[in-house]
């Protein structure tokens, strides 16, 4: 679970940097996609274990 939280934090930071720096809009999009994918993956893994 710690790995998933760490990945979520990393993707969130990359998204924020992408939105702040105009030339890095692609980084924001990738960061958001990876954030959502990691969140869904963590939610599915947690549901399967319960």
N, C-alpha and C. Protein backbone atom coordinates (compact mmCIF):
# COMPACT_ATOMS: atom_id res chain seq x y z
N UNK A 1 0.82 -1.19 0.00
CA UNK A 1 0.00 0.00 0.00
C UNK A 1 0.87 1.26 0.00
N UNK A 2 2.02 1.17 0.62
CA UNK A 2 2.93 2.31 0.65
C UNK A 2 3.43 2.68 -0.73
N UNK A 3 3.65 1.69 -1.58
CA UNK A 3 4.11 1.95 -2.96
C UNK A 3 3.03 2.70 -3.74
N UNK A 4 1.80 2.32 -3.56
CA UNK A 4 0.71 2.98 -4.28
C UNK A 4 0.58 4.44 -3.85
N UNK A 5 0.69 4.68 -2.56
CA UNK A 5 0.60 6.05 -2.06
C UNK A 5 1.77 6.88 -2.58
N UNK A 6 2.97 6.29 -2.59
CA UNK A 6 4.14 7.00 -3.11
C UNK A 6 3.95 7.34 -4.59
N UNK A 7 3.44 6.41 -5.37
CA UNK A 7 3.20 6.67 -6.79
C UNK A 7 2.15 7.77 -6.98
N UNK A 8 1.10 7.73 -6.17
CA UNK A 8 0.07 8.77 -6.26
C UNK A 8 0.65 10.15 -5.98
N UNK A 9 1.52 10.24 -4.99
CA UNK A 9 2.15 11.52 -4.66
C UNK A 9 3.04 11.98 -5.80
N UNK A 10 3.82 11.07 -6.37
CA UNK A 10 4.71 11.43 -7.49
C UNK A 10 3.90 11.92 -8.68
N UNK A 11 2.83 11.21 -9.04
CA UNK A 11 2.01 11.61 -10.19
C UNK A 11 1.35 12.95 -9.93
N UNK A 12 0.92 13.19 -8.70
CA UNK A 12 0.29 14.46 -8.36
C UNK A 12 1.29 15.61 -8.49
N UNK A 13 2.49 15.41 -8.02
CA UNK A 13 3.53 16.44 -8.13
C UNK A 13 3.86 16.73 -9.59
N UNK A 14 3.98 15.68 -10.40
CA UNK A 14 4.25 15.87 -11.83
C UNK A 14 3.12 16.64 -12.51
N UNK A 15 1.89 16.35 -12.12
CA UNK A 15 0.75 17.06 -12.71
C UNK A 15 0.77 18.53 -12.34
N UNK A 16 1.06 18.82 -11.09
CA UNK A 16 1.12 20.22 -10.64
C UNK A 16 2.22 20.97 -11.38
N UNK A 17 3.38 20.35 -11.50
CA UNK A 17 4.49 20.99 -12.24
C UNK A 17 4.08 21.23 -13.69
N UNK A 18 3.40 20.26 -14.29
CA UNK A 18 2.95 20.41 -15.67
C UNK A 18 1.96 21.54 -15.86
N UNK A 19 1.08 21.76 -14.88
CA UNK A 19 0.12 22.85 -14.99
C UNK A 19 0.76 24.20 -14.72
N UNK A 20 1.78 24.23 -13.86
CA UNK A 20 2.43 25.50 -13.51
C UNK A 20 3.31 26.00 -14.66
N UNK A 21 4.06 25.09 -15.26
CA UNK A 21 4.95 25.46 -16.36
C UNK A 21 4.19 25.27 -17.66
N UNK A 22 3.97 26.36 -18.39
CA UNK A 22 3.12 26.30 -19.59
C UNK A 22 3.62 25.31 -20.64
N UNK A 23 4.91 25.22 -20.83
CA UNK A 23 5.46 24.33 -21.85
C UNK A 23 5.38 22.86 -21.51
N UNK A 24 4.98 22.56 -20.28
CA UNK A 24 4.93 21.17 -19.86
C UNK A 24 3.51 20.67 -19.67
N UNK A 25 2.60 21.12 -20.50
CA UNK A 25 1.21 20.68 -20.40
C UNK A 25 1.10 19.17 -20.62
N UNK A 26 1.95 18.62 -21.47
CA UNK A 26 1.94 17.18 -21.70
C UNK A 26 2.28 16.43 -20.42
N UNK A 27 3.15 17.01 -19.59
CA UNK A 27 3.51 16.37 -18.33
C UNK A 27 2.31 16.32 -17.38
N UNK A 28 1.52 17.37 -17.39
CA UNK A 28 0.32 17.40 -16.56
C UNK A 28 -0.66 16.33 -16.99
N UNK A 29 -0.84 16.17 -18.28
CA UNK A 29 -1.78 15.17 -18.80
C UNK A 29 -1.31 13.76 -18.45
N UNK A 30 -0.03 13.49 -18.66
CA UNK A 30 0.52 12.17 -18.33
C UNK A 30 0.42 11.92 -16.83
N UNK A 31 0.73 12.94 -16.03
CA UNK A 31 0.64 12.80 -14.59
C UNK A 31 -0.77 12.49 -14.12
N UNK A 32 -1.75 13.17 -14.70
CA UNK A 32 -3.15 12.90 -14.33
C UNK A 32 -3.59 11.50 -14.74
N UNK A 33 -3.20 11.08 -15.92
CA UNK A 33 -3.57 9.74 -16.39
C UNK A 33 -2.94 8.68 -15.48
N UNK A 34 -1.67 8.85 -15.15
CA UNK A 34 -1.01 7.88 -14.28
C UNK A 34 -1.58 7.92 -12.86
N UNK A 35 -1.97 9.11 -12.39
CA UNK A 35 -2.57 9.23 -11.07
C UNK A 35 -3.88 8.44 -11.01
N UNK A 36 -4.73 8.63 -12.01
CA UNK A 36 -6.02 7.93 -12.03
C UNK A 36 -5.80 6.42 -12.18
N UNK A 37 -4.88 6.02 -13.05
CA UNK A 37 -4.62 4.59 -13.24
C UNK A 37 -4.11 3.95 -11.96
N UNK A 38 -3.21 4.61 -11.26
CA UNK A 38 -2.67 4.07 -10.02
C UNK A 38 -3.74 4.02 -8.93
N UNK A 39 -4.59 5.05 -8.86
CA UNK A 39 -5.66 5.06 -7.87
C UNK A 39 -6.64 3.91 -8.12
N UNK A 40 -7.01 3.70 -9.36
CA UNK A 40 -7.93 2.61 -9.69
C UNK A 40 -7.28 1.27 -9.40
N UNK A 41 -6.03 1.11 -9.76
CA UNK A 41 -5.31 -0.14 -9.51
C UNK A 41 -5.23 -0.43 -8.01
N UNK A 42 -4.92 0.57 -7.22
CA UNK A 42 -4.86 0.40 -5.78
C UNK A 42 -6.21 0.07 -5.18
N UNK A 43 -7.28 0.70 -5.69
CA UNK A 43 -8.61 0.44 -5.21
C UNK A 43 -9.03 -0.99 -5.53
N UNK A 44 -8.71 -1.47 -6.73
CA UNK A 44 -9.06 -2.84 -7.13
C UNK A 44 -8.28 -3.85 -6.30
N UNK A 45 -6.99 -3.60 -6.08
CA UNK A 45 -6.17 -4.51 -5.28
C UNK A 45 -6.69 -4.58 -3.84
N UNK A 46 -7.10 -3.42 -3.31
CA UNK A 46 -7.59 -3.37 -1.94
C UNK A 46 -8.93 -4.10 -1.82
N UNK A 47 -9.80 -3.95 -2.82
CA UNK A 47 -11.10 -4.63 -2.81
C UNK A 47 -10.92 -6.14 -2.91
N UNK A 48 -9.94 -6.58 -3.71
CA UNK A 48 -9.73 -8.01 -3.92
C UNK A 48 -9.20 -8.67 -2.64
N UNK A 49 -8.43 -7.92 -1.87
CA UNK A 49 -7.84 -8.47 -0.66
C UNK A 49 -8.87 -8.57 0.47
N UNK A 50 -9.87 -7.74 0.47
CA UNK A 50 -10.88 -7.70 1.55
C UNK A 50 -11.82 -8.88 1.47
